[in-house]
Amino acid sequence: MASSPLNDVQHANFIILSLIRDAARADPGTACCRFGMTLAQLKAISDLPPDGVMAIVTGMGNEALFFPREDLDRLLQLPPAVSAVLVSATARLPAARGAKSAAQRSASA
């Protein structure tokens, strides 16, 4: 088995950037809705050649470009049919990063 020159975070960034790039090239409007991105963001990604994607991915090192939803843990605990309805009815919010954000969420709950 061949080893990848990318670490796990870089590999995830590469896959997601490539998927978004391909979707943006096929149908920018649909890609905006599916990925919650602006047309400007999609254009910047879709204009990248494959070596440009790789350069960004390797240059970012261990820094993830895409983060899970804030409610991912709750969605994973629900039956698939319920989580699908909940996802369609709630806005996408990125997961808060850092202890301060977690403390603020706990205080407001």
PDB file of N, CA and C in Angstrom:
ATOM      1  N   MET A   1       0.844  -1.176   0.000  1.00  0.00           N
ATOM      2  CA  MET A   1       0.000   0.000   0.000  1.00  0.00           C
ATOM      3  C   MET A   1       0.893   1.244   0.000  1.00  0.00           C
ATOM      4  N   ALA A   2       0.616   2.170  -0.885  1.00  0.00           N
ATOM      5  CA  ALA A   2       1.407   3.399  -0.994  1.00  0.00           C
ATOM      6  C   ALA A   2       0.986   4.375   0.097  1.00  0.00           C
ATOM      7  N   SER A   3       1.957   5.044   0.674  1.00  0.00           N
ATOM      8  CA  SER A   3       1.627   6.032   1.694  1.00  0.00           C
ATOM      9  C   SER A   3       1.396   7.386   1.023  1.00  0.00           C
ATOM     10  N   SER A   4       0.517   8.164   1.626  1.00  0.00           N
ATOM     11  CA  SER A   4       0.174   9.475   1.088  1.00  0.00           C
ATOM     12  C   SER A   4       1.165  10.513   1.600  1.00  0.00           C
ATOM     13  N   PRO A   5       1.553  11.470   0.751  1.00  0.00           N
ATOM     14  CA  PRO A   5       2.422  12.546   1.229  1.00  0.00           C
ATOM     15  C   PRO A   5       1.663  13.558   2.091  1.00  0.00           C
ATOM     16  N   LEU A   6       0.347  13.398   2.190  1.00  0.00           N
ATOM     17  CA  LEU A   6      -0.481  14.321   2.960  1.00  0.00           C
ATOM     18  C   LEU A   6      -0.829  13.722   4.317  1.00  0.00           C
ATOM     19  N   ASN A   7      -0.897  14.567   5.344  1.00  0.00           N
ATOM     20  CA  ASN A   7      -1.392  14.083   6.632  1.00  0.00           C
ATOM     21  C   ASN A   7      -2.923  14.044   6.578  1.00  0.00           C
ATOM     22  N   ASP A   8      -3.557  13.597   7.653  1.00  0.00           N
ATOM     23  CA  ASP A   8      -5.009  13.428   7.628  1.00  0.00           C
ATOM     24  C   ASP A   8      -5.761  14.742   7.418  1.00  0.00           C
ATOM     25  N   VAL A   9      -5.305  15.830   8.016  1.00  0.00           N
ATOM     26  CA  VAL A   9      -5.966  17.127   7.841  1.00  0.00           C
ATOM     27  C   VAL A   9      -5.790  17.620   6.402  1.00  0.00           C
ATOM     28  N   GLN A  10      -4.595  17.491   5.868  1.00  0.00           N
ATOM     29  CA  GLN A  10      -4.346  17.894   4.482  1.00  0.00           C
ATOM     30  C   GLN A  10      -5.183  17.062   3.518  1.00  0.00           C
ATOM     31  N   HIS A  11      -5.285  15.778   3.786  1.00  0.00           N
ATOM     32  CA  HIS A  11      -6.081  14.898   2.928  1.00  0.00           C
ATOM     33  C   HIS A  11      -7.548  15.332   2.929  1.00  0.00           C
ATOM     34  N   ALA A  12      -8.085  15.628   4.116  1.00  0.00           N
ATOM     35  CA  ALA A  12      -9.467  16.105   4.210  1.00  0.00           C
ATOM     36  C   ALA A  12      -9.636  17.423   3.455  1.00  0.00           C
ATOM     37  N   ASN A  13      -8.708  18.364   3.639  1.00  0.00           N
ATOM     38  CA  ASN A  13      -8.778  19.641   2.922  1.00  0.00           C
ATOM     39  C   ASN A  13      -8.756  19.426   1.414  1.00  0.00           C
ATOM     40  N   PHE A  14      -7.883  18.526   0.945  1.00  0.00           N
ATOM     41  CA  PHE A  14      -7.772  18.250  -0.488  1.00  0.00           C
ATOM     42  C   PHE A  14      -9.077  17.690  -1.045  1.00  0.00           C
ATOM     43  N   ILE A  15      -9.644  16.712  -0.355  1.00  0.00           N
ATOM     44  CA  ILE A  15     -10.885  16.093  -0.828  1.00  0.00           C
ATOM     45  C   ILE A  15     -12.015  17.113  -0.869  1.00  0.00           C
ATOM     46  N   ILE A  16     -12.186  17.877   0.206  1.00  0.00           N
ATOM     47  CA  ILE A  16     -13.292  18.833   0.261  1.00  0.00           C
ATOM     48  C   ILE A  16     -13.110  19.952  -0.761  1.00  0.00           C
ATOM     49  N   LEU A  17     -11.910  20.504  -0.867  1.00  0.00           N
ATOM     50  CA  LEU A  17     -11.668  21.549  -1.874  1.00  0.00           C
ATOM     51  C   LEU A  17     -11.929  21.024  -3.284  1.00  0.00           C
ATOM     52  N   SER A  18     -11.494  19.809  -3.560  1.00  0.00           N
ATOM     53  CA  SER A  18     -11.699  19.222  -4.891  1.00  0.00           C
ATOM     54  C   SER A  18     -13.177  19.012  -5.181  1.00  0.00           C
ATOM     55  N   LEU A  19     -13.928  18.519  -4.195  1.00  0.00           N
ATOM     56  CA  LEU A  19     -15.371  18.318  -4.380  1.00  0.00           C
ATOM     57  C   LEU A  19     -16.090  19.643  -4.615  1.00  0.00           C
ATOM     58  N   ILE A  20     -15.751  20.643  -3.818  1.00  0.00           N
ATOM     59  CA  ILE A  20     -16.377  21.960  -3.983  1.00  0.00           C
ATOM     60  C   ILE A  20     -15.997  22.556  -5.332  1.00  0.00           C
ATOM     61  N   ARG A  21     -14.742  22.434  -5.719  1.00  0.00           N
ATOM     62  CA  ARG A  21     -14.288  22.965  -7.015  1.00  0.00           C
ATOM     63  C   ARG A  21     -15.071  22.332  -8.164  1.00  0.00           C
ATOM     64  N   ASP A  22     -15.215  21.009  -8.141  1.00  0.00           N
ATOM     65  CA  ASP A  22     -15.948  20.323  -9.202  1.00  0.00           C
ATOM     66  C   ASP A  22     -17.423  20.719  -9.214  1.00  0.00           C
ATOM     67  N   ALA A  23     -18.033  20.829  -8.032  1.00  0.00           N
ATOM     68  CA  ALA A  23     -19.441  21.228  -7.951  1.00  0.00           C
ATOM     69  C   ALA A  23     -19.629  22.658  -8.437  1.00  0.00           C
ATOM     70  N   ALA A  24     -18.709  23.548  -8.087  1.00  0.00           N
ATOM     71  CA  ALA A  24     -18.807  24.951  -8.506  1.00  0.00           C
ATOM     72  C   ALA A  24     -18.661  25.090 -10.011  1.00  0.00           C
ATOM     73  N   ARG A  25     -17.815  24.274 -10.596  1.00  0.00           N
ATOM     74  CA  ARG A  25     -17.650  24.314 -12.052  1.00  0.00           C
ATOM     75  C   ARG A  25     -18.885  23.785 -12.764  1.00  0.00           C
ATOM     76  N   ALA A  26     -19.551  22.801 -12.186  1.00  0.00           N
ATOM     77  CA  ALA A  26     -20.735  22.206 -12.809  1.00  0.00           C
ATOM     78  C   ALA A  26     -21.965  23.101 -12.671  1.00  0.00           C
ATOM     79  N   ASP A  27     -22.195  23.655 -11.472  1.00  0.00           N
ATOM     80  CA  ASP A  27     -23.388  24.466 -11.221  1.00  0.00           C
ATOM     81  C   ASP A  27     -23.135  25.364 -10.009  1.00  0.00           C
ATOM     82  N   PRO A  28     -22.641  26.580 -10.251  1.00  0.00           N
ATOM     83  CA  PRO A  28     -22.291  27.468  -9.132  1.00  0.00           C
ATOM     84  C   PRO A  28     -23.451  27.782  -8.185  1.00  0.00           C
ATOM     85  N   GLY A  29     -24.636  27.967  -8.715  1.00  0.00           N
ATOM     86  CA  GLY A  29     -25.785  28.292  -7.864  1.00  0.00           C
ATOM     87  C   GLY A  29     -26.115  27.178  -6.891  1.00  0.00           C
ATOM     88  N   THR A  30     -26.161  25.968  -7.399  1.00  0.00           N
ATOM     89  CA  THR A  30     -26.431  24.816  -6.538  1.00  0.00           C
ATOM     90  C   THR A  30     -25.308  24.627  -5.534  1.00  0.00           C
ATOM     91  N   ALA A  31     -24.068  24.814  -5.974  1.00  0.00           N
ATOM     92  CA  ALA A  31     -22.924  24.665  -5.070  1.00  0.00           C
ATOM     93  C   ALA A  31     -22.983  25.684  -3.933  1.00  0.00           C
ATOM     94  N   CYS A  32     -23.425  26.910  -4.230  1.00  0.00           N
ATOM     95  CA  CYS A  32     -23.576  27.923  -3.175  1.00  0.00           C
ATOM     96  C   CYS A  32     -24.516  27.421  -2.087  1.00  0.00           C
ATOM     97  N   CYS A  33     -25.645  26.882  -2.502  1.00  0.00           N
ATOM     98  CA  CYS A  33     -26.633  26.389  -1.541  1.00  0.00           C
ATOM     99  C   CYS A  33     -26.126  25.168  -0.786  1.00  0.00           C
ATOM    100  N   ARG A  34     -25.545  24.235  -1.492  1.00  0.00           N
ATOM    101  CA  ARG A  34     -25.093  22.991  -0.860  1.00  0.00           C
ATOM    102  C   ARG A  34     -23.979  23.207   0.149  1.00  0.00           C
ATOM    103  N   PHE A  35     -23.050  24.085  -0.170  1.00  0.00           N
ATOM    104  CA  PHE A  35     -21.882  24.247   0.686  1.00  0.00           C
ATOM    105  C   PHE A  35     -21.927  25.509   1.542  1.00  0.00           C
ATOM    106  N   GLY A  36     -22.989  26.318   1.398  1.00  0.00           N
ATOM    107  CA  GLY A  36     -23.116  27.525   2.212  1.00  0.00           C
ATOM    108  C   GLY A  36     -22.008  28.527   1.969  1.00  0.00           C
ATOM    109  N   MET A  37     -21.623  28.668   0.697  1.00  0.00           N
ATOM    110  CA  MET A  37     -20.534  29.575   0.344  1.00  0.00           C
ATOM    111  C   MET A  37     -21.054  30.662  -0.585  1.00  0.00           C
ATOM    112  N   THR A  38     -20.319  31.753  -0.667  1.00  0.00           N
ATOM    113  CA  THR A  38     -20.680  32.831  -1.579  1.00  0.00           C
ATOM    114  C   THR A  38     -20.161  32.511  -2.979  1.00  0.00           C
ATOM    115  N   LEU A  39     -20.690  33.216  -3.967  1.00  0.00           N
ATOM    116  CA  LEU A  39     -20.193  33.040  -5.335  1.00  0.00           C
ATOM    117  C   LEU A  39     -18.718  33.414  -5.438  1.00  0.00           C
ATOM    118  N   ALA A  40     -18.299  34.437  -4.705  1.00  0.00           N
ATOM    119  CA  ALA A  40     -16.887  34.841  -4.733  1.00  0.00           C
ATOM    120  C   ALA A  40     -15.989  33.728  -4.188  1.00  0.00           C
ATOM    121  N   GLN A  41     -16.415  33.097  -3.095  1.00  0.00           N
ATOM    122  CA  GLN A  41     -15.637  31.982  -2.548  1.00  0.00           C
ATOM    123  C   GLN A  41     -15.575  30.823  -3.539  1.00  0.00           C
ATOM    124  N   LEU A  42     -16.726  30.509  -4.137  1.00  0.00           N
ATOM    125  CA  LEU A  42     -16.758  29.413  -5.112  1.00  0.00           C
ATOM    126  C   LEU A  42     -15.910  29.722  -6.332  1.00  0.00           C
ATOM    127  N   LYS A  43     -15.946  30.965  -6.784  1.00  0.00           N
ATOM    128  CA  LYS A  43     -15.134  31.331  -7.945  1.00  0.00           C
ATOM    129  C   LYS A  43     -13.654  31.170  -7.634  1.00  0.00           C
ATOM    130  N   ALA A  44     -13.247  31.605  -6.451  1.00  0.00           N
ATOM    131  CA  ALA A  44     -11.838  31.468  -6.059  1.00  0.00           C
ATOM    132  C   ALA A  44     -11.410  30.004  -6.051  1.00  0.00           C
ATOM    133  N   ILE A  45     -12.290  29.126  -5.583  1.00  0.00           N
ATOM    134  CA  ILE A  45     -11.972  27.694  -5.551  1.00  0.00           C
ATOM    135  C   ILE A  45     -12.033  27.090  -6.944  1.00  0.00           C
ATOM    136  N   SER A  46     -13.070  27.431  -7.716  1.00  0.00           N
ATOM    137  CA  SER A  46     -13.236  26.807  -9.040  1.00  0.00           C
ATOM    138  C   SER A  46     -12.165  27.245 -10.032  1.00  0.00           C
ATOM    139  N   ASP A  47     -11.545  28.394  -9.802  1.00  0.00           N
ATOM    140  CA  ASP A  47     -10.472  28.865 -10.683  1.00  0.00           C
ATOM    141  C   ASP A  47      -9.136  28.170 -10.426  1.00  0.00           C
ATOM    142  N   LEU A  48      -9.051  27.419  -9.343  1.00  0.00           N
ATOM    143  CA  LEU A  48      -7.784  26.763  -9.003  1.00  0.00           C
ATOM    144  C   LEU A  48      -7.509  25.559  -9.906  1.00  0.00           C
ATOM    145  N   PRO A  49      -6.312  25.482 -10.469  1.00  0.00           N
ATOM    146  CA  PRO A  49      -5.922  24.257 -11.171  1.00  0.00           C
ATOM    147  C   PRO A  49      -5.571  23.194 -10.117  1.00  0.00           C
ATOM    148  N   PRO A  50      -5.489  21.925 -10.506  1.00  0.00           N
ATOM    149  CA  PRO A  50      -5.168  20.878  -9.527  1.00  0.00           C
ATOM    150  C   PRO A  50      -3.899  21.157  -8.716  1.00  0.00           C
ATOM    151  N   ASP A  51      -2.855  21.670  -9.366  1.00  0.00           N
ATOM    152  CA  ASP A  51      -1.632  21.952  -8.610  1.00  0.00           C
ATOM    153  C   ASP A  51      -1.817  23.136  -7.661  1.00  0.00           C
ATOM    154  N   GLY A  52      -2.760  24.019  -7.974  1.00  0.00           N
ATOM    155  CA  GLY A  52      -3.090  25.116  -7.068  1.00  0.00           C
ATOM    156  C   GLY A  52      -3.784  24.613  -5.814  1.00  0.00           C
ATOM    157  N   VAL A  53      -4.690  23.646  -5.990  1.00  0.00           N
ATOM    158  CA  VAL A  53      -5.353  23.030  -4.837  1.00  0.00           C
ATOM    159  C   VAL A  53      -4.301  22.368  -3.951  1.00  0.00           C
ATOM    160  N   MET A  54      -3.401  21.611  -4.572  1.00  0.00           N
ATOM    161  CA  MET A  54      -2.373  20.910  -3.806  1.00  0.00           C
ATOM    162  C   MET A  54      -1.449  21.891  -3.085  1.00  0.00           C
ATOM    163  N   ALA A  55      -1.112  23.002  -3.736  1.00  0.00           N
ATOM    164  CA  ALA A  55      -0.242  23.996  -3.103  1.00  0.00           C
ATOM    165  C   ALA A  55      -0.904  24.598  -1.865  1.00  0.00           C
ATOM    166  N   ILE A  56      -2.196  24.891  -1.955  1.00  0.00           N
ATOM    167  CA  ILE A  56      -2.918  25.436  -0.807  1.00  0.00           C
ATOM    168  C   ILE A  56      -2.966  24.411   0.319  1.00  0.00           C
ATOM    169  N   VAL A  57      -3.302  23.183  -0.039  1.00  0.00           N
ATOM    170  CA  VAL A  57      -3.421  22.116   0.956  1.00  0.00           C
ATOM    171  C   VAL A  57      -2.100  21.886   1.687  1.00  0.00           C
ATOM    172  N   THR A  58      -1.022  21.776   0.943  1.00  0.00           N
ATOM    173  CA  THR A  58       0.266  21.521   1.599  1.00  0.00           C
ATOM    174  C   THR A  58       0.738  22.745   2.378  1.00  0.00           C
ATOM    175  N   GLY A  59       0.431  23.927   1.875  1.00  0.00           N
ATOM    176  CA  GLY A  59       0.829  25.148   2.566  1.00  0.00           C
ATOM    177  C   GLY A  59       0.103  25.369   3.882  1.00  0.00           C
ATOM    178  N   MET A  60      -1.102  24.826   4.005  1.00  0.00           N
ATOM    179  CA  MET A  60      -1.888  24.993   5.232  1.00  0.00           C
ATOM    180  C   MET A  60      -1.412  24.085   6.357  1.00  0.00           C
ATOM    181  N   GLY A  61      -0.637  23.064   6.029  1.00  0.00           N
ATOM    182  CA  GLY A  61      -0.143  22.154   7.066  1.00  0.00           C
ATOM    183  C   GLY A  61      -1.273  21.453   7.792  1.00  0.00           C
ATOM    184  N   ASN A  62      -1.306  21.601   9.105  1.00  0.00           N
ATOM    185  CA  ASN A  62      -2.319  20.943   9.935  1.00  0.00           C
ATOM    186  C   ASN A  62      -3.547  21.809  10.192  1.00  0.00           C
ATOM    187  N   GLU A  63      -3.727  22.872   9.443  1.00  0.00           N
ATOM    188  CA  GLU A  63      -4.861  23.777   9.660  1.00  0.00           C
ATOM    189  C   GLU A  63      -6.048  23.345   8.810  1.00  0.00           C
ATOM    190  N   ALA A  64      -7.128  22.921   9.461  1.00  0.00           N
ATOM    191  CA  ALA A  64      -8.335  22.510   8.744  1.00  0.00           C
ATOM    192  C   ALA A  64      -9.011  23.734   8.129  1.00  0.00           C
ATOM    193  N   LEU A  65      -9.444  23.599   6.886  1.00  0.00           N
ATOM    194  CA  LEU A  65     -10.146  24.683   6.198  1.00  0.00           C
ATOM    195  C   LEU A  65     -11.654  24.617   6.412  1.00  0.00           C
ATOM    196  N   PHE A  66     -12.156  23.444   6.786  1.00  0.00           N
ATOM    197  CA  PHE A  66     -13.595  23.234   6.927  1.00  0.00           C
ATOM    198  C   PHE A  66     -13.863  22.584   8.275  1.00  0.00           C
ATOM    199  N   PHE A  67     -14.886  23.066   8.955  1.00  0.00           N
ATOM    200  CA  PHE A  67     -15.179  22.610  10.305  1.00  0.00           C
ATOM    201  C   PHE A  67     -16.580  22.016  10.380  1.00  0.00           C
ATOM    202  N   PRO A  68     -16.801  21.086  11.318  1.00  0.00           N
ATOM    203  CA  PRO A  68     -18.123  20.463  11.449  1.00  0.00           C
ATOM    204  C   PRO A  68     -19.153  21.446  12.003  1.00  0.00           C
ATOM    205  N   ARG A  69     -20.378  21.095  11.825  1.00  0.00           N
ATOM    206  CA  ARG A  69     -21.479  21.871  12.388  1.00  0.00           C
ATOM    207  C   ARG A  69     -21.380  21.873  13.903  1.00  0.00           C
ATOM    208  N   GLU A  70     -21.894  22.925  14.512  1.00  0.00           N
ATOM    209  CA  GLU A  70     -21.880  23.020  15.970  1.00  0.00           C
ATOM    210  C   GLU A  70     -22.724  21.926  16.611  1.00  0.00           C
ATOM    211  N   ASP A  71     -23.768  21.487  15.932  1.00  0.00           N
ATOM    212  CA  ASP A  71     -24.670  20.480  16.490  1.00  0.00           C
ATOM    213  C   ASP A  71     -24.382  19.062  15.982  1.00  0.00           C
ATOM    214  N   LEU A  72     -23.198  18.814  15.466  1.00  0.00           N
ATOM    215  CA  LEU A  72     -22.874  17.509  14.894  1.00  0.00           C
ATOM    216  C   LEU A  72     -23.053  16.379  15.892  1.00  0.00           C
ATOM    217  N   ASP A  73     -22.607  16.556  17.123  1.00  0.00           N
ATOM    218  CA  ASP A  73     -22.741  15.486  18.117  1.00  0.00           C
ATOM    219  C   ASP A  73     -24.204  15.118  18.342  1.00  0.00           C
ATOM    220  N   ARG A  74     -25.072  16.118  18.397  1.00  0.00           N
ATOM    221  CA  ARG A  74     -26.504  15.854  18.594  1.00  0.00           C
ATOM    222  C   ARG A  74     -27.098  15.166  17.372  1.00  0.00           C
ATOM    223  N   LEU A  75     -26.725  15.610  16.168  1.00  0.00           N
ATOM    224  CA  LEU A  75     -27.248  15.001  14.945  1.00  0.00           C
ATOM    225  C   LEU A  75     -26.858  13.531  14.827  1.00  0.00           C
ATOM    226  N   LEU A  76     -25.653  13.199  15.251  1.00  0.00           N
ATOM    227  CA  LEU A  76     -25.182  11.822  15.155  1.00  0.00           C
ATOM    228  C   LEU A  76     -25.889  10.892  16.135  1.00  0.00           C
ATOM    229  N   GLN A  77     -26.479  11.443  17.180  1.00  0.00           N
ATOM    230  CA  GLN A  77     -27.188  10.631  18.167  1.00  0.00           C
ATOM    231  C   GLN A  77     -28.639  10.380  17.785  1.00  0.00           C
ATOM    232  N   LEU A  78     -29.162  11.117  16.831  1.00  0.00           N
ATOM    233  CA  LEU A  78     -30.564  10.992  16.425  1.00  0.00           C
ATOM    234  C   LEU A  78     -30.729   9.946  15.331  1.00  0.00           C
ATOM    235  N   PRO A  79     -31.947   9.400  15.199  1.00  0.00           N
ATOM    236  CA  PRO A  79     -32.212   8.518  14.056  1.00  0.00           C
ATOM    237  C   PRO A  79     -32.021   9.312  12.756  1.00  0.00           C
ATOM    238  N   PRO A  80     -31.537   8.665  11.698  1.00  0.00           N
ATOM    239  CA  PRO A  80     -31.259   9.374  10.440  1.00  0.00           C
ATOM    240  C   PRO A  80     -32.431  10.203   9.911  1.00  0.00           C
ATOM    241  N   ALA A  81     -33.649   9.693  10.001  1.00  0.00           N
ATOM    242  CA  ALA A  81     -34.797  10.445   9.483  1.00  0.00           C
ATOM    243  C   ALA A  81     -35.017  11.730  10.281  1.00  0.00           C
ATOM    244  N   VAL A  82     -34.821  11.669  11.581  1.00  0.00           N
ATOM    245  CA  VAL A  82     -35.006  12.846  12.432  1.00  0.00           C
ATOM    246  C   VAL A  82     -33.887  13.857  12.183  1.00  0.00           C
ATOM    247  N   SER A  83     -32.655  13.376  12.092  1.00  0.00           N
ATOM    248  CA  SER A  83     -31.544  14.304  11.870  1.00  0.00           C
ATOM    249  C   SER A  83     -31.661  14.989  10.513  1.00  0.00           C
ATOM    250  N   ALA A  84     -32.181  14.276   9.507  1.00  0.00           N
ATOM    251  CA  ALA A  84     -32.365  14.888   8.185  1.00  0.00           C
ATOM    252  C   ALA A  84     -33.357  16.046   8.250  1.00  0.00           C
ATOM    253  N   VAL A  85     -34.444  15.868   8.990  1.00  0.00           N
ATOM    254  CA  VAL A  85     -35.441  16.932   9.139  1.00  0.00           C
ATOM    255  C   VAL A  85     -34.849  18.094   9.927  1.00  0.00           C
ATOM    256  N   LEU A  86     -34.138  17.784  10.995  1.00  0.00           N
ATOM    257  CA  LEU A  86     -33.540  18.829  11.822  1.00  0.00           C
ATOM    258  C   LEU A  86     -32.514  19.642  11.037  1.00  0.00           C
ATOM    259  N   VAL A  87     -31.699  18.979  10.243  1.00  0.00           N
ATOM    260  CA  VAL A  87     -30.691  19.675   9.435  1.00  0.00           C
ATOM    261  C   VAL A  87     -31.356  20.618   8.445  1.00  0.00           C
ATOM    262  N   SER A  88     -32.440  20.166   7.825  1.00  0.00           N
ATOM    263  CA  SER A  88     -33.098  21.013   6.825  1.00  0.00           C
ATOM    264  C   SER A  88     -33.814  22.204   7.460  1.00  0.00           C
ATOM    265  N   ALA A  89     -34.108  22.124   8.750  1.00  0.00           N
ATOM    266  CA  ALA A  89     -34.854  23.188   9.414  1.00  0.00           C
ATOM    267  C   ALA A  89     -33.979  24.140  10.223  1.00  0.00           C
ATOM    268  N   THR A  90     -32.691  23.856  10.322  1.00  0.00           N
ATOM    269  CA  THR A  90     -31.815  24.707  11.124  1.00  0.00           C
ATOM    270  C   THR A  90     -30.714  25.307  10.266  1.00  0.00           C
ATOM    271  N   ALA A  91     -30.278  26.489  10.662  1.00  0.00           N
ATOM    272  CA  ALA A  91     -29.204  27.168   9.933  1.00  0.00           C
ATOM    273  C   ALA A  91     -27.872  26.495  10.224  1.00  0.00           C
ATOM    274  N   ARG A  92     -26.988  26.562   9.249  1.00  0.00           N
ATOM    275  CA  ARG A  92     -25.638  26.039   9.440  1.00  0.00           C
ATOM    276  C   ARG A  92     -24.836  27.015  10.270  1.00  0.00           C
ATOM    277  N   LEU A  93     -24.295  26.519  11.349  1.00  0.00           N
ATOM    278  CA  LEU A  93     -23.382  27.309  12.160  1.00  0.00           C
ATOM    279  C   LEU A  93     -22.120  26.491  12.325  1.00  0.00           C
ATOM    280  N   PRO A  94     -20.970  27.082  12.073  1.00  0.00           N
ATOM    281  CA  PRO A  94     -19.737  26.314  12.287  1.00  0.00           C
ATOM    282  C   PRO A  94     -19.545  26.052  13.769  1.00  0.00           C
ATOM    283  N   ALA A  95     -18.855  24.982  14.079  1.00  0.00           N
ATOM    284  CA  ALA A  95     -18.561  24.675  15.472  1.00  0.00           C
ATOM    285  C   ALA A  95     -17.709  25.790  16.057  1.00  0.00           C
ATOM    286  N   ALA A  96     -18.054  26.207  17.253  1.00  0.00           N
ATOM    287  CA  ALA A  96     -17.279  27.254  17.924  1.00  0.00           C
ATOM    288  C   ALA A  96     -15.946  26.670  18.337  1.00  0.00           C
ATOM    289  N   ARG A  97     -14.914  27.442  18.154  1.00  0.00           N
ATOM    290  CA  ARG A  97     -13.574  26.966  18.492  1.00  0.00           C
ATOM    291  C   ARG A  97     -13.102  27.651  19.761  1.00  0.00           C
ATOM    292  N   GLY A  98     -12.538  26.885  20.650  1.00  0.00           N
ATOM    293  CA  GLY A  98     -11.943  27.442  21.858  1.00  0.00           C
ATOM    294  C   GLY A  98     -12.820  27.285  23.081  1.00  0.00           C
ATOM    295  N   ALA A  99     -12.184  27.282  24.234  1.00  0.00           N
ATOM    296  CA  ALA A  99     -12.882  27.083  25.499  1.00  0.00           C
ATOM    297  C   ALA A  99     -13.820  28.239  25.818  1.00  0.00           C
ATOM    298  N   LYS A 100     -13.438  29.454  25.457  1.00  0.00           N
ATOM    299  CA  LYS A 100     -14.273  30.611  25.753  1.00  0.00           C
ATOM    300  C   LYS A 100     -15.625  30.481  25.063  1.00  0.00           C
ATOM    301  N   SER A 101     -15.649  30.063  23.811  1.00  0.00           N
ATOM    302  CA  SER A 101     -16.906  29.899  23.090  1.00  0.00           C
ATOM    303  C   SER A 101     -17.751  28.810  23.717  1.00  0.00           C
ATOM    304  N   ALA A 102     -17.136  27.714  24.147  1.00  0.00           N
ATOM    305  CA  ALA A 102     -17.867  26.626  24.787  1.00  0.00           C
ATOM    306  C   ALA A 102     -18.480  27.109  26.098  1.00  0.00           C
ATOM    307  N   ALA A 103     -17.740  27.906  26.850  1.00  0.00           N
ATOM    308  CA  ALA A 103     -18.248  28.436  28.108  1.00  0.00           C
ATOM    309  C   ALA A 103     -19.418  29.378  27.867  1.00  0.00           C
ATOM    310  N   GLN A 104     -19.340  30.199  26.834  1.00  0.00           N
ATOM    311  CA  GLN A 104     -20.424  31.120  26.513  1.00  0.00           C
ATOM    312  C   GLN A 104     -21.680  30.356  26.129  1.00  0.00           C
ATOM    313  N   ARG A 105     -21.533  29.259  25.361  1.00  0.00           N
ATOM    314  CA  ARG A 105     -22.695  28.452  24.977  1.00  0.00           C
ATOM    315  C   ARG A 105     -23.324  27.811  26.205  1.00  0.00           C
ATOM    316  N   SER A 106     -22.513  27.316  27.137  1.00  0.00           N
ATOM    317  CA  SER A 106     -23.023  26.681  28.349  1.00  0.00           C
ATOM    318  C   SER A 106     -23.782  27.688  29.205  1.00  0.00           C
ATOM    319  N   ALA A 107     -23.273  28.901  29.292  1.00  0.00           N
ATOM    320  CA  ALA A 107     -23.902  29.934  30.108  1.00  0.00           C
ATOM    321  C   ALA A 107     -25.253  30.351  29.548  1.00  0.00           C
ATOM    322  N   SER A 108     -25.399  30.320  28.230  1.00  0.00           N
ATOM    323  CA  SER A 108     -26.657  30.751  27.621  1.00  0.00           C
ATOM    324  C   SER A 108     -27.679  29.631  27.542  1.00  0.00           C
ATOM    325  N   ALA A 109     -27.290  28.396  27.840  1.00  0.00           N
ATOM    326  CA  ALA A 109     -28.214  27.250  27.749  1.00  0.00           C
ATOM    327  C   ALA A 109     -29.129  27.168  28.937  1.00  0.00           C
TER     328      ALA A 109
END
